[in-house]
Each structure stands twice: as C-alpha cells, then as structure tokens.
Amino acid sequence: MNNHLEHIKYAYNSSTNCSFYSYNIFKINHKKIELDDIFNFDLLLIGDYSKLKKHQSERVINEGLFSSKHTYKTKVIDAYGPVIKSTITSNDFKKLSYEMFEKKMNSIIDLMYNRKDLHEADDLYNFFNQSLIDLENFNLENCDFYFLDSNLFSNTRKHKLSFIYSYFISIVGINPDLNTFFILNFGND
C-alpha cells in the first residue's frame, strides 16, 4: 500500500518567558497508524511541517542550480529540541493512556511550581490547557499517547547547545478511529 500523508493543521504559541507550544496534525491512509510512522515520514520537528518540507524541496532545487567551489565547515545539527534527532527511537517514547498523560503533565507542572520555576510552570500550565482545548475534537480519551521527556536523555544524546532548554516535552497522540495523529511540543528555550 502506498502511504500518503496529509498535513492538516499547525499551530505555534510562545510566551515572553521563552516557553513555547506547537503542534502538527496529520492524517495517513494506513489501515492502522503506528508510532514508527512518525520516523518513517520524518515528522519529529517543532515548526510547520508543510512549510519546512517546502523549504527543504526548494533548497535541494537551489543546490542543483548553484554550485560552489568553496567547501564550508559549518555543521548543521539536526536536532529535536535539545536532542540529536538521529539518536531518538520509538523506544524513547513511553506509551500512556489519556488519564496517565494528564497525570504526567500535571506532575511536571507541580514539580516546576515546587522548584519555584513559577514562570515556566505558569506557561506550561497555560499551554497544556490550551492544547486540550485545541485538540478537543480529537476524542483524546480514545487516543494512544506516546510521551518523550528530553530530561531523561543522557548528555551524549544531546547537542552542544542543549543547555538553552530548561525543558522539552513531546507527545504523539494517535487516534486510530479517525486515522489521524498529532505531535505536541512544549518547551522553554
């Protein structure tokens, strides 16, 4: 079966405290969506999927049109938040029910408040609640959630500038009834 991916929606919001929240929603013509589809379609990103893929296509075309005799030594890091993207596997995501997802997010927010990270806690609280409103038509109770917390990665899997992130959380939600999935990102950089 030829798999076709449809990008349905993108949203991004940020705070004055450098916190952010983004999501992309996709539909795939699979009979069953699996977490590995995220990797097969290279969907771990923070920006707007449709714009990023268009930019990548234009860059490939332009590289063919403009050749240079100069070799530049700048290395571009393919990162997902503070983590080197190529080191992430589906095993890094913890499967959760909707109730466990809510509890996990609320425990992270509570921990931030307890550590007196008030601005970050307020931002994450507001963004988390906004995500529940934004995705209310997604029938979240029927989704499988896959949770990734960058704080659980060893430093060998993070890039050199990972210190700019005080937190980065990614959640993949798969709704098999609607044949759709979303990728939520919460962070502070």
Protein backbone atom coordinates (compact mmCIF):
# COMPACT_ATOMS: atom_id res chain seq x y z
CA MET A 1 0.00 0.00 0.00
CA ASN A 2 1.30 3.42 -0.91
CA ASN A 3 1.23 5.53 2.23
CA HIS A 4 0.03 9.07 1.80
CA LEU A 5 0.49 11.67 4.50
CA GLU A 6 -1.80 14.68 4.72
CA HIS A 7 -0.79 17.64 6.89
CA ILE A 8 -4.00 19.00 8.40
CA LYS A 9 -3.01 21.77 10.80
CA TYR A 10 -0.14 23.54 12.53
CA ALA A 11 -0.18 25.93 15.47
CA TYR A 12 2.55 27.66 17.46
CA ASN A 13 2.39 29.89 20.52
CA SER A 14 5.13 31.38 22.66
CA SER A 15 5.42 33.40 25.83
CA THR A 16 7.59 36.31 26.87
CA ASN A 17 9.45 33.81 29.10
CA CYS A 18 10.77 31.86 26.07
CA SER A 19 8.33 29.00 26.58
CA PHE A 20 6.57 27.59 23.54
CA TYR A 21 3.85 25.21 22.48
CA SER A 22 3.37 23.81 18.99
CA TYR A 23 1.52 21.04 17.27
CA ASN A 24 1.11 19.46 13.88
CA ILE A 25 -1.88 17.28 12.99
CA PHE A 26 -1.65 14.63 10.26
CA LYS A 27 -3.81 12.06 8.54
CA ILE A 28 -2.38 8.95 6.96
CA ASN A 29 -4.07 6.42 4.66
CA HIS A 30 -2.85 3.44 6.67
CA LYS A 31 -5.28 0.91 7.97
CA LYS A 32 -3.52 1.37 11.32
CA ILE A 33 -1.23 4.22 12.36
CA GLU A 34 1.81 3.25 14.42
CA LEU A 35 4.42 5.25 16.29
CA ASP A 36 7.06 4.20 13.75
CA ASP A 37 5.17 6.18 11.09
CA ILE A 38 6.48 9.32 12.82
CA PHE A 39 10.01 8.18 12.00
CA ASN A 40 9.19 6.80 8.54
CA PHE A 41 7.81 10.19 7.48
CA ASP A 42 10.48 12.17 9.41
CA LEU A 43 7.90 14.10 11.43
CA LEU A 44 9.86 14.98 14.57
CA LEU A 45 10.01 18.73 14.19
CA ILE A 46 8.89 21.82 16.03
CA GLY A 47 7.89 24.02 13.08
CA ASP A 48 5.13 23.93 10.49
CA TYR A 49 5.55 20.63 8.63
CA SER A 50 4.21 21.89 5.29
CA LYS A 51 6.47 24.98 5.24
CA LEU A 52 9.56 23.05 6.36
CA LYS A 53 9.08 20.37 3.71
CA LYS A 54 8.55 23.05 1.02
CA HIS A 55 11.73 24.82 2.14
CA GLN A 56 13.69 21.55 2.01
CA SER A 57 12.47 20.91 -1.55
CA GLU A 58 13.43 24.43 -2.64
CA ARG A 59 16.87 24.04 -1.06
CA VAL A 60 17.51 20.83 -2.97
CA ILE A 61 16.49 22.51 -6.25
CA ASN A 62 18.65 25.57 -5.50
CA GLU A 63 21.65 23.45 -4.57
CA GLY A 64 21.40 21.88 -8.02
CA LEU A 65 21.26 25.28 -9.70
CA PHE A 66 24.03 26.98 -7.76
CA SER A 67 27.21 25.06 -7.29
CA SER A 68 30.18 26.40 -5.42
CA LYS A 69 33.85 25.54 -5.41
CA HIS A 70 34.02 26.51 -1.75
CA THR A 71 33.55 23.98 0.98
CA TYR A 72 32.13 25.32 4.19
CA LYS A 73 32.97 23.73 7.51
CA THR A 74 29.74 24.67 9.26
CA LYS A 75 27.97 21.59 10.55
CA VAL A 76 24.21 21.77 10.82
CA ILE A 77 22.82 19.84 13.77
CA ASP A 78 19.60 18.02 13.03
CA ALA A 79 18.00 18.46 16.43
CA TYR A 80 14.65 17.85 18.03
CA GLY A 81 14.67 20.30 20.89
CA PRO A 82 17.89 19.64 22.82
CA VAL A 83 18.27 16.08 21.49
CA ILE A 84 20.19 14.98 18.42
CA LYS A 85 17.39 13.75 16.21
CA SER A 86 19.21 10.70 14.84
CA THR A 87 19.54 9.28 18.39
CA ILE A 88 15.77 9.20 19.01
CA THR A 89 13.92 5.92 18.53
CA SER A 90 10.39 4.79 19.21
CA ASN A 91 11.69 3.12 22.39
CA ASP A 92 12.32 6.59 23.85
CA PHE A 93 8.58 7.28 23.90
CA LYS A 94 6.58 5.98 26.85
CA LYS A 95 3.06 4.81 25.97
CA LEU A 96 0.34 6.36 28.14
CA SER A 97 -3.43 6.42 28.33
CA TYR A 98 -5.19 9.78 28.27
CA GLU A 99 -5.56 9.73 32.07
CA MET A 100 -1.87 8.91 32.55
CA PHE A 101 -0.92 11.64 30.07
CA GLU A 102 -2.89 14.21 32.08
CA LYS A 103 -1.35 12.99 35.34
CA LYS A 104 2.16 13.08 33.87
CA MET A 105 1.77 16.65 32.59
CA ASN A 106 0.25 17.83 35.87
CA SER A 107 3.06 16.20 37.87
CA ILE A 108 5.67 18.02 35.75
CA ILE A 109 3.82 21.31 36.26
CA ASP A 110 3.58 20.65 40.03
CA LEU A 111 7.30 19.86 40.16
CA MET A 112 8.07 23.18 38.46
CA TYR A 113 5.93 25.04 40.98
CA ASN A 114 7.62 23.19 43.85
CA ARG A 115 11.04 24.17 42.47
CA LYS A 116 9.82 27.78 42.30
CA ASP A 117 10.10 27.87 38.47
CA LEU A 118 6.93 29.93 38.51
CA HIS A 119 7.08 31.49 35.03
CA GLU A 120 7.84 28.18 33.34
CA ALA A 121 5.18 26.39 35.42
CA ASP A 122 2.57 29.03 34.54
CA ASP A 123 3.47 28.84 30.85
CA LEU A 124 3.37 25.05 30.74
CA TYR A 125 0.09 25.01 32.67
CA ASN A 126 -1.48 27.51 30.24
CA PHE A 127 -0.09 25.82 27.12
CA PHE A 128 -1.14 22.37 28.32
CA ASN A 129 -4.69 23.56 28.94
CA GLN A 130 -4.70 25.34 25.57
CA SER A 131 -3.62 22.08 23.89
CA LEU A 132 -6.60 20.28 25.44
CA ILE A 133 -8.91 22.95 24.01
CA ASP A 134 -7.19 22.93 20.60
CA LEU A 135 -7.50 19.16 20.36
CA GLU A 136 -10.95 18.73 21.89
CA ASN A 137 -12.41 17.46 18.60
CA PHE A 138 -9.76 14.77 18.51
CA ASN A 139 -11.56 12.50 21.01
CA LEU A 140 -8.48 12.40 23.26
CA GLU A 141 -9.88 9.67 25.53
CA ASN A 142 -9.58 7.23 22.60
CA CYS A 143 -6.01 8.18 21.72
CA ASP A 144 -2.82 6.35 22.47
CA PHE A 145 -0.27 8.81 23.82
CA TYR A 146 3.50 8.48 23.47
CA PHE A 147 5.47 10.71 25.81
CA LEU A 148 9.06 11.91 25.36
CA ASP A 149 10.87 13.97 28.02
CA SER A 150 14.27 15.31 26.94
CA ASN A 151 15.41 15.47 30.58
CA LEU A 152 15.57 11.67 30.53
CA PHE A 153 18.17 11.62 27.73
CA SER A 154 21.85 11.27 28.55
CA ASN A 155 24.09 14.20 27.62
CA THR A 156 25.75 12.06 24.93
CA ARG A 157 22.45 12.16 23.01
CA LYS A 158 22.07 15.94 23.30
CA HIS A 159 23.69 18.59 21.14
CA LYS A 160 26.20 21.13 22.43
CA LEU A 161 23.60 23.88 22.78
CA SER A 162 21.12 21.73 24.70
CA PHE A 163 21.74 23.83 27.81
CA ILE A 164 19.45 26.54 26.38
CA TYR A 165 16.45 24.27 27.03
CA SER A 166 15.20 24.13 30.58
CA TYR A 167 12.64 21.56 29.41
CA PHE A 168 11.40 19.97 26.20
CA ILE A 169 8.49 17.54 26.08
CA SER A 170 6.99 15.91 23.02
CA ILE A 171 3.76 13.95 22.86
CA VAL A 172 2.48 11.90 19.96
CA GLY A 173 -1.24 11.22 20.07
CA ILE A 174 -2.67 8.59 17.75
CA ASN A 175 -6.39 8.30 17.18
CA PRO A 176 -6.98 5.04 15.28
CA ASP A 177 -10.72 5.79 14.89
CA LEU A 178 -10.03 8.97 12.92
CA ASN A 179 -6.85 7.64 11.27
CA THR A 180 -5.10 10.80 12.43
CA PHE A 181 -2.32 11.72 14.80
CA PHE A 182 -0.79 14.82 16.31
CA ILE A 183 2.60 15.79 17.64
CA LEU A 184 2.62 18.26 20.54
CA ASN A 185 5.77 20.03 21.70
CA PHE A 186 6.20 22.00 24.89
CA GLY A 187 9.48 23.64 25.79
CA ASN A 188 11.44 26.53 27.13
CA ASP A 189 14.48 27.79 25.29
